[in-house]
Amino acid sequence: MMQFVLFALVGCAAAVAHYGTLIVLAELAGVGPVSASAAGFVAGAAVSYALNYRYVFRSDREHLPTAARFLTVALFGLGLNSLVMAALTHRAGLHYLASQVAATLAVMLWSYGANRFWTFGGDAAPRSS
């Protein structure tokens, strides 16, 4: 349970990067909400990897294969995020921030399980000394 709490705290830091990018692009640059959210997702993923690797999962895995796994999980998360954003903003007509909250919750559940059991656990190669 504590690991999930730490994961959620890291998620808050990643969300600041994600939502900050989203809002700046949507409000100041006139970028559409789905594209702005995708750009924010990338910013948040960079923060998330660094903090999850070091503090949440305390990984001793090699960075290259671990980052590749993290990227794979993140790409699926990006797809899920974009689908939820498109469905809720374009189809349901919700405000982009409300849509992003729903997308964030869906991606959080997916990414915690995938990262815990596959990216930072499982059969990834341990870091060589």
N, C-alpha and C. Protein backbone atom coordinates (compact mmCIF):
# COMPACT_ATOMS: atom_id res chain seq x y z
N MET A 1 0.83 -1.20 0.00
CA MET A 1 0.00 0.00 0.00
C MET A 1 0.87 1.26 0.00
N MET A 2 1.96 1.24 0.78
CA MET A 2 2.84 2.40 0.84
C MET A 2 3.45 2.70 -0.53
N GLN A 3 3.77 1.64 -1.27
CA GLN A 3 4.34 1.84 -2.60
C GLN A 3 3.34 2.56 -3.50
N PHE A 4 2.07 2.21 -3.41
CA PHE A 4 1.06 2.88 -4.22
C PHE A 4 0.92 4.34 -3.80
N VAL A 5 1.01 4.62 -2.51
CA VAL A 5 0.94 6.01 -2.03
C VAL A 5 2.12 6.81 -2.60
N LEU A 6 3.33 6.24 -2.56
CA LEU A 6 4.49 6.91 -3.16
C LEU A 6 4.29 7.10 -4.65
N PHE A 7 3.74 6.07 -5.31
CA PHE A 7 3.46 6.16 -6.74
C PHE A 7 2.49 7.31 -7.02
N ALA A 8 1.48 7.46 -6.18
CA ALA A 8 0.51 8.55 -6.35
C ALA A 8 1.17 9.91 -6.13
N LEU A 9 2.08 10.00 -5.16
CA LEU A 9 2.79 11.26 -4.92
C LEU A 9 3.68 11.63 -6.11
N VAL A 10 4.37 10.64 -6.66
CA VAL A 10 5.16 10.87 -7.87
C VAL A 10 4.22 11.28 -9.00
N GLY A 11 3.07 10.65 -9.04
CA GLY A 11 2.06 11.01 -10.04
C GLY A 11 1.64 12.46 -9.93
N CYS A 12 1.59 12.97 -8.70
CA CYS A 12 1.25 14.39 -8.51
C CYS A 12 2.33 15.29 -9.12
N ALA A 13 3.59 14.93 -8.91
CA ALA A 13 4.69 15.70 -9.50
C ALA A 13 4.63 15.63 -11.03
N ALA A 14 4.38 14.43 -11.54
CA ALA A 14 4.26 14.27 -12.99
C ALA A 14 3.04 15.03 -13.52
N ALA A 15 1.97 15.05 -12.74
CA ALA A 15 0.76 15.77 -13.15
C ALA A 15 0.99 17.27 -13.25
N VAL A 16 1.83 17.81 -12.38
CA VAL A 16 2.16 19.24 -12.46
C VAL A 16 2.80 19.53 -13.82
N ALA A 17 3.74 18.68 -14.24
CA ALA A 17 4.37 18.84 -15.56
C ALA A 17 3.34 18.64 -16.67
N HIS A 18 2.52 17.60 -16.54
CA HIS A 18 1.52 17.28 -17.57
C HIS A 18 0.48 18.40 -17.69
N TYR A 19 -0.17 18.73 -16.59
CA TYR A 19 -1.23 19.72 -16.61
C TYR A 19 -0.69 21.11 -16.93
N GLY A 20 0.50 21.42 -16.44
CA GLY A 20 1.11 22.71 -16.76
C GLY A 20 1.33 22.87 -18.25
N THR A 21 1.88 21.83 -18.86
CA THR A 21 2.09 21.85 -20.31
C THR A 21 0.75 21.93 -21.05
N LEU A 22 -0.20 21.12 -20.62
CA LEU A 22 -1.54 21.10 -21.22
C LEU A 22 -2.17 22.50 -21.20
N ILE A 23 -2.18 23.12 -20.05
CA ILE A 23 -2.84 24.42 -19.89
C ILE A 23 -2.12 25.50 -20.71
N VAL A 24 -0.80 25.52 -20.63
CA VAL A 24 -0.04 26.53 -21.40
C VAL A 24 -0.31 26.36 -22.89
N LEU A 25 -0.26 25.12 -23.38
CA LEU A 25 -0.47 24.91 -24.82
C LEU A 25 -1.91 25.20 -25.22
N ALA A 26 -2.88 24.76 -24.41
CA ALA A 26 -4.29 24.96 -24.76
C ALA A 26 -4.72 26.42 -24.63
N GLU A 27 -4.30 27.07 -23.56
CA GLU A 27 -4.77 28.43 -23.30
C GLU A 27 -3.93 29.51 -23.98
N LEU A 28 -2.63 29.33 -24.00
CA LEU A 28 -1.76 30.38 -24.53
C LEU A 28 -1.33 30.16 -25.97
N ALA A 29 -1.23 28.91 -26.37
CA ALA A 29 -0.76 28.62 -27.73
C ALA A 29 -1.87 28.18 -28.67
N GLY A 30 -3.07 27.99 -28.14
CA GLY A 30 -4.20 27.62 -28.98
C GLY A 30 -4.14 26.21 -29.54
N VAL A 31 -3.38 25.34 -28.91
CA VAL A 31 -3.28 23.94 -29.36
C VAL A 31 -4.53 23.21 -28.90
N GLY A 32 -5.04 22.30 -29.72
CA GLY A 32 -6.22 21.52 -29.36
C GLY A 32 -5.98 20.69 -28.11
N PRO A 33 -7.04 20.36 -27.38
CA PRO A 33 -6.88 19.69 -26.09
C PRO A 33 -6.24 18.31 -26.17
N VAL A 34 -6.52 17.53 -27.18
CA VAL A 34 -5.94 16.19 -27.28
C VAL A 34 -4.44 16.29 -27.56
N SER A 35 -4.05 17.15 -28.48
CA SER A 35 -2.62 17.34 -28.78
C SER A 35 -1.88 17.97 -27.60
N ALA A 36 -2.48 18.95 -26.95
CA ALA A 36 -1.85 19.58 -25.80
C ALA A 36 -1.68 18.57 -24.66
N SER A 37 -2.67 17.72 -24.49
CA SER A 37 -2.59 16.69 -23.46
C SER A 37 -1.49 15.68 -23.78
N ALA A 38 -1.35 15.32 -25.05
CA ALA A 38 -0.30 14.38 -25.45
C ALA A 38 1.09 14.97 -25.15
N ALA A 39 1.27 16.24 -25.45
CA ALA A 39 2.56 16.89 -25.15
C ALA A 39 2.80 16.93 -23.65
N GLY A 40 1.77 17.22 -22.90
CA GLY A 40 1.88 17.22 -21.44
C GLY A 40 2.18 15.84 -20.90
N PHE A 41 1.60 14.83 -21.53
CA PHE A 41 1.84 13.45 -21.11
C PHE A 41 3.32 13.11 -21.22
N VAL A 42 3.95 13.54 -22.30
CA VAL A 42 5.38 13.28 -22.51
C VAL A 42 6.20 13.97 -21.41
N ALA A 43 5.87 15.21 -21.09
CA ALA A 43 6.58 15.93 -20.03
C ALA A 43 6.41 15.22 -18.69
N GLY A 44 5.20 14.82 -18.40
CA GLY A 44 4.93 14.11 -17.15
C GLY A 44 5.61 12.76 -17.09
N ALA A 45 5.71 12.07 -18.22
CA ALA A 45 6.35 10.76 -18.25
C ALA A 45 7.83 10.86 -17.91
N ALA A 46 8.49 11.90 -18.35
CA ALA A 46 9.91 12.08 -18.03
C ALA A 46 10.10 12.25 -16.52
N VAL A 47 9.27 13.06 -15.90
CA VAL A 47 9.32 13.24 -14.45
C VAL A 47 9.00 11.92 -13.75
N SER A 48 8.00 11.24 -14.23
CA SER A 48 7.55 10.00 -13.63
C SER A 48 8.63 8.92 -13.65
N TYR A 49 9.29 8.75 -14.78
CA TYR A 49 10.33 7.72 -14.88
C TYR A 49 11.44 7.98 -13.86
N ALA A 50 11.94 9.18 -13.83
CA ALA A 50 13.06 9.50 -12.95
C ALA A 50 12.70 9.24 -11.48
N LEU A 51 11.53 9.69 -11.06
CA LEU A 51 11.14 9.54 -9.66
C LEU A 51 10.72 8.11 -9.31
N ASN A 52 10.02 7.45 -10.22
CA ASN A 52 9.63 6.06 -9.96
C ASN A 52 10.84 5.14 -9.90
N TYR A 53 11.77 5.33 -10.80
CA TYR A 53 12.98 4.49 -10.83
C TYR A 53 13.73 4.61 -9.51
N ARG A 54 13.90 5.82 -9.06
CA ARG A 54 14.75 6.08 -7.89
C ARG A 54 14.04 5.87 -6.56
N TYR A 55 12.81 6.37 -6.43
CA TYR A 55 12.18 6.44 -5.11
C TYR A 55 11.04 5.45 -4.88
N VAL A 56 10.20 5.20 -5.87
CA VAL A 56 9.03 4.36 -5.64
C VAL A 56 9.40 2.89 -5.72
N PHE A 57 10.02 2.49 -6.82
CA PHE A 57 10.34 1.08 -7.02
C PHE A 57 11.78 0.75 -6.63
N ARG A 58 12.59 1.80 -6.34
CA ARG A 58 13.98 1.63 -5.93
C ARG A 58 14.67 0.58 -6.78
N SER A 59 14.59 0.80 -8.06
CA SER A 59 15.06 -0.18 -9.03
C SER A 59 16.57 -0.33 -9.03
N ASP A 60 16.99 -1.56 -9.21
CA ASP A 60 18.41 -1.84 -9.42
C ASP A 60 18.61 -2.37 -10.84
N ARG A 61 17.65 -2.11 -11.69
CA ARG A 61 17.69 -2.56 -13.08
C ARG A 61 18.52 -1.61 -13.92
N GLU A 62 19.09 -2.13 -15.00
CA GLU A 62 19.82 -1.30 -15.97
C GLU A 62 18.86 -0.25 -16.53
N HIS A 63 19.36 0.96 -16.73
CA HIS A 63 18.48 2.03 -17.22
C HIS A 63 17.95 1.77 -18.62
N LEU A 64 18.78 1.32 -19.54
CA LEU A 64 18.33 1.18 -20.93
C LEU A 64 17.15 0.21 -21.07
N PRO A 65 17.26 -1.05 -20.60
CA PRO A 65 16.10 -1.93 -20.74
C PRO A 65 14.90 -1.49 -19.89
N THR A 66 15.19 -0.90 -18.73
CA THR A 66 14.10 -0.43 -17.88
C THR A 66 13.39 0.76 -18.52
N ALA A 67 14.17 1.67 -19.08
CA ALA A 67 13.56 2.82 -19.77
C ALA A 67 12.76 2.36 -20.98
N ALA A 68 13.23 1.33 -21.68
CA ALA A 68 12.49 0.81 -22.83
C ALA A 68 11.14 0.24 -22.38
N ARG A 69 11.15 -0.49 -21.27
CA ARG A 69 9.89 -1.02 -20.74
C ARG A 69 8.97 0.12 -20.30
N PHE A 70 9.55 1.10 -19.60
CA PHE A 70 8.77 2.25 -19.15
C PHE A 70 8.16 2.97 -20.35
N LEU A 71 8.93 3.14 -21.40
CA LEU A 71 8.44 3.79 -22.61
C LEU A 71 7.29 3.01 -23.24
N THR A 72 7.41 1.70 -23.23
CA THR A 72 6.32 0.87 -23.78
C THR A 72 5.04 1.08 -22.98
N VAL A 73 5.17 1.03 -21.66
CA VAL A 73 4.00 1.27 -20.79
C VAL A 73 3.46 2.67 -21.03
N ALA A 74 4.36 3.65 -21.13
CA ALA A 74 3.94 5.04 -21.34
C ALA A 74 3.24 5.22 -22.67
N LEU A 75 3.70 4.53 -23.71
CA LEU A 75 3.04 4.65 -25.02
C LEU A 75 1.62 4.11 -24.98
N PHE A 76 1.43 2.99 -24.29
CA PHE A 76 0.06 2.49 -24.11
C PHE A 76 -0.75 3.48 -23.28
N GLY A 77 -0.12 4.05 -22.26
CA GLY A 77 -0.79 5.07 -21.44
C GLY A 77 -1.15 6.30 -22.25
N LEU A 78 -0.24 6.71 -23.13
CA LEU A 78 -0.51 7.86 -24.01
C LEU A 78 -1.71 7.57 -24.91
N GLY A 79 -1.77 6.36 -25.44
CA GLY A 79 -2.92 5.97 -26.27
C GLY A 79 -4.22 6.01 -25.48
N LEU A 80 -4.20 5.45 -24.28
CA LEU A 80 -5.37 5.47 -23.41
C LEU A 80 -5.76 6.90 -23.06
N ASN A 81 -4.77 7.71 -22.70
CA ASN A 81 -5.00 9.12 -22.38
C ASN A 81 -5.66 9.84 -23.56
N SER A 82 -5.12 9.64 -24.74
CA SER A 82 -5.65 10.32 -25.93
C SER A 82 -7.06 9.85 -26.27
N LEU A 83 -7.32 8.55 -26.12
CA LEU A 83 -8.67 8.04 -26.37
C LEU A 83 -9.69 8.63 -25.41
N VAL A 84 -9.35 8.65 -24.13
CA VAL A 84 -10.27 9.21 -23.14
C VAL A 84 -10.47 10.70 -23.38
N MET A 85 -9.38 11.42 -23.66
CA MET A 85 -9.49 12.85 -23.94
C MET A 85 -10.38 13.12 -25.15
N ALA A 86 -10.16 12.39 -26.23
CA ALA A 86 -10.95 12.59 -27.44
C ALA A 86 -12.42 12.26 -27.19
N ALA A 87 -12.67 11.15 -26.50
CA ALA A 87 -14.06 10.76 -26.24
C ALA A 87 -14.77 11.78 -25.36
N LEU A 88 -14.09 12.25 -24.34
CA LEU A 88 -14.77 13.15 -23.40
C LEU A 88 -14.83 14.60 -23.88
N THR A 89 -13.83 15.06 -24.61
CA THR A 89 -13.88 16.45 -25.08
C THR A 89 -14.70 16.58 -26.36
N HIS A 90 -14.45 15.69 -27.31
CA HIS A 90 -15.12 15.81 -28.61
C HIS A 90 -16.50 15.16 -28.64
N ARG A 91 -16.62 14.00 -28.05
CA ARG A 91 -17.90 13.28 -28.12
C ARG A 91 -18.86 13.70 -27.01
N ALA A 92 -18.34 13.77 -25.78
CA ALA A 92 -19.21 14.10 -24.64
C ALA A 92 -19.30 15.60 -24.37
N GLY A 93 -18.39 16.38 -24.98
CA GLY A 93 -18.43 17.82 -24.82
C GLY A 93 -17.97 18.35 -23.47
N LEU A 94 -17.21 17.55 -22.73
CA LEU A 94 -16.71 18.01 -21.44
C LEU A 94 -15.55 18.98 -21.62
N HIS A 95 -15.34 19.82 -20.62
CA HIS A 95 -14.19 20.73 -20.61
C HIS A 95 -12.92 19.88 -20.61
N TYR A 96 -11.87 20.38 -21.22
CA TYR A 96 -10.65 19.59 -21.35
C TYR A 96 -10.02 19.24 -20.02
N LEU A 97 -10.16 20.08 -18.99
CA LEU A 97 -9.56 19.75 -17.69
C LEU A 97 -10.34 18.63 -16.98
N ALA A 98 -11.65 18.66 -17.06
CA ALA A 98 -12.45 17.56 -16.50
C ALA A 98 -12.14 16.26 -17.22
N SER A 99 -12.00 16.34 -18.53
CA SER A 99 -11.65 15.16 -19.32
C SER A 99 -10.28 14.63 -18.92
N GLN A 100 -9.35 15.55 -18.67
CA GLN A 100 -8.00 15.14 -18.30
C GLN A 100 -7.97 14.45 -16.95
N VAL A 101 -8.79 14.89 -16.02
CA VAL A 101 -8.85 14.22 -14.71
C VAL A 101 -9.28 12.76 -14.89
N ALA A 102 -10.31 12.53 -15.70
CA ALA A 102 -10.76 11.16 -15.95
C ALA A 102 -9.66 10.35 -16.65
N ALA A 103 -9.00 10.95 -17.61
CA ALA A 103 -7.93 10.26 -18.33
C ALA A 103 -6.78 9.94 -17.38
N THR A 104 -6.46 10.86 -16.51
CA THR A 104 -5.37 10.65 -15.55
C THR A 104 -5.67 9.46 -14.64
N LEU A 105 -6.88 9.35 -14.15
CA LEU A 105 -7.25 8.22 -13.29
C LEU A 105 -7.13 6.89 -14.03
N ALA A 106 -7.60 6.84 -15.26
CA ALA A 106 -7.51 5.61 -16.05
C ALA A 106 -6.05 5.22 -16.29
N VAL A 107 -5.24 6.19 -16.66
CA VAL A 107 -3.83 5.92 -16.95
C VAL A 107 -3.08 5.55 -15.68
N MET A 108 -3.42 6.17 -14.55
CA MET A 108 -2.75 5.87 -13.29
C MET A 108 -2.93 4.39 -12.92
N LEU A 109 -4.12 3.88 -13.04
CA LEU A 109 -4.37 2.47 -12.71
C LEU A 109 -3.59 1.55 -13.64
N TRP A 110 -3.63 1.83 -14.93
CA TRP A 110 -2.89 1.03 -15.90
C TRP A 110 -1.39 1.07 -15.62
N SER A 111 -0.85 2.26 -15.46
CA SER A 111 0.60 2.38 -15.38
C SER A 111 1.16 1.85 -14.06
N TYR A 112 0.40 1.96 -12.97
CA TYR A 112 0.91 1.40 -11.71
C TYR A 112 1.10 -0.11 -11.85
N GLY A 113 0.09 -0.79 -12.30
CA GLY A 113 0.19 -2.25 -12.44
C GLY A 113 1.27 -2.67 -13.42
N ALA A 114 1.29 -2.04 -14.57
CA ALA A 114 2.28 -2.41 -15.60
C ALA A 114 3.70 -2.10 -15.14
N ASN A 115 3.90 -0.95 -14.52
CA ASN A 115 5.25 -0.60 -14.06
C ASN A 115 5.69 -1.43 -12.87
N ARG A 116 4.78 -1.70 -11.97
CA ARG A 116 5.14 -2.48 -10.79
C ARG A 116 5.54 -3.91 -11.16
N PHE A 117 4.75 -4.52 -12.01
CA PHE A 117 4.98 -5.93 -12.30
C PHE A 117 5.86 -6.20 -13.51
N TRP A 118 5.99 -5.23 -14.41
CA TRP A 118 6.77 -5.49 -15.62
C TRP A 118 7.99 -4.59 -15.75
N THR A 119 7.81 -3.29 -15.68
CA THR A 119 8.92 -2.36 -15.89
C THR A 119 9.99 -2.50 -14.82
N PHE A 120 9.59 -2.39 -13.57
CA PHE A 120 10.54 -2.37 -12.47
C PHE A 120 10.62 -3.70 -11.73
N GLY A 121 9.84 -4.65 -12.13
CA GLY A 121 9.87 -5.99 -11.55
C GLY A 121 10.10 -6.99 -12.65
N GLY A 122 9.56 -8.15 -12.49
CA GLY A 122 9.64 -9.16 -13.55
C GLY A 122 11.05 -9.61 -13.85
N ASP A 123 11.32 -9.82 -15.13
CA ASP A 123 12.59 -10.40 -15.54
C ASP A 123 13.53 -9.39 -16.19
N ALA A 124 13.40 -8.11 -15.84
CA ALA A 124 14.32 -7.11 -16.38
C ALA A 124 15.73 -7.36 -15.85
N ALA A 125 16.72 -7.01 -16.62
CA ALA A 125 18.11 -7.26 -16.24
C ALA A 125 18.54 -6.37 -15.09
N PRO A 126 19.13 -6.96 -14.01
CA PRO A 126 19.64 -6.12 -12.92
C PRO A 126 20.81 -5.28 -13.37
N ARG A 127 21.00 -4.16 -12.69
CA ARG A 127 22.10 -3.26 -13.00
C ARG A 127 23.41 -3.96 -12.68
N SER A 128 24.38 -3.84 -13.57
CA SER A 128 25.69 -4.43 -13.30
C SER A 128 26.50 -3.47 -12.44
N SER A 129 27.29 -4.03 -11.56
CA SER A 129 28.07 -3.21 -10.62
C SER A 129 29.35 -2.72 -11.19
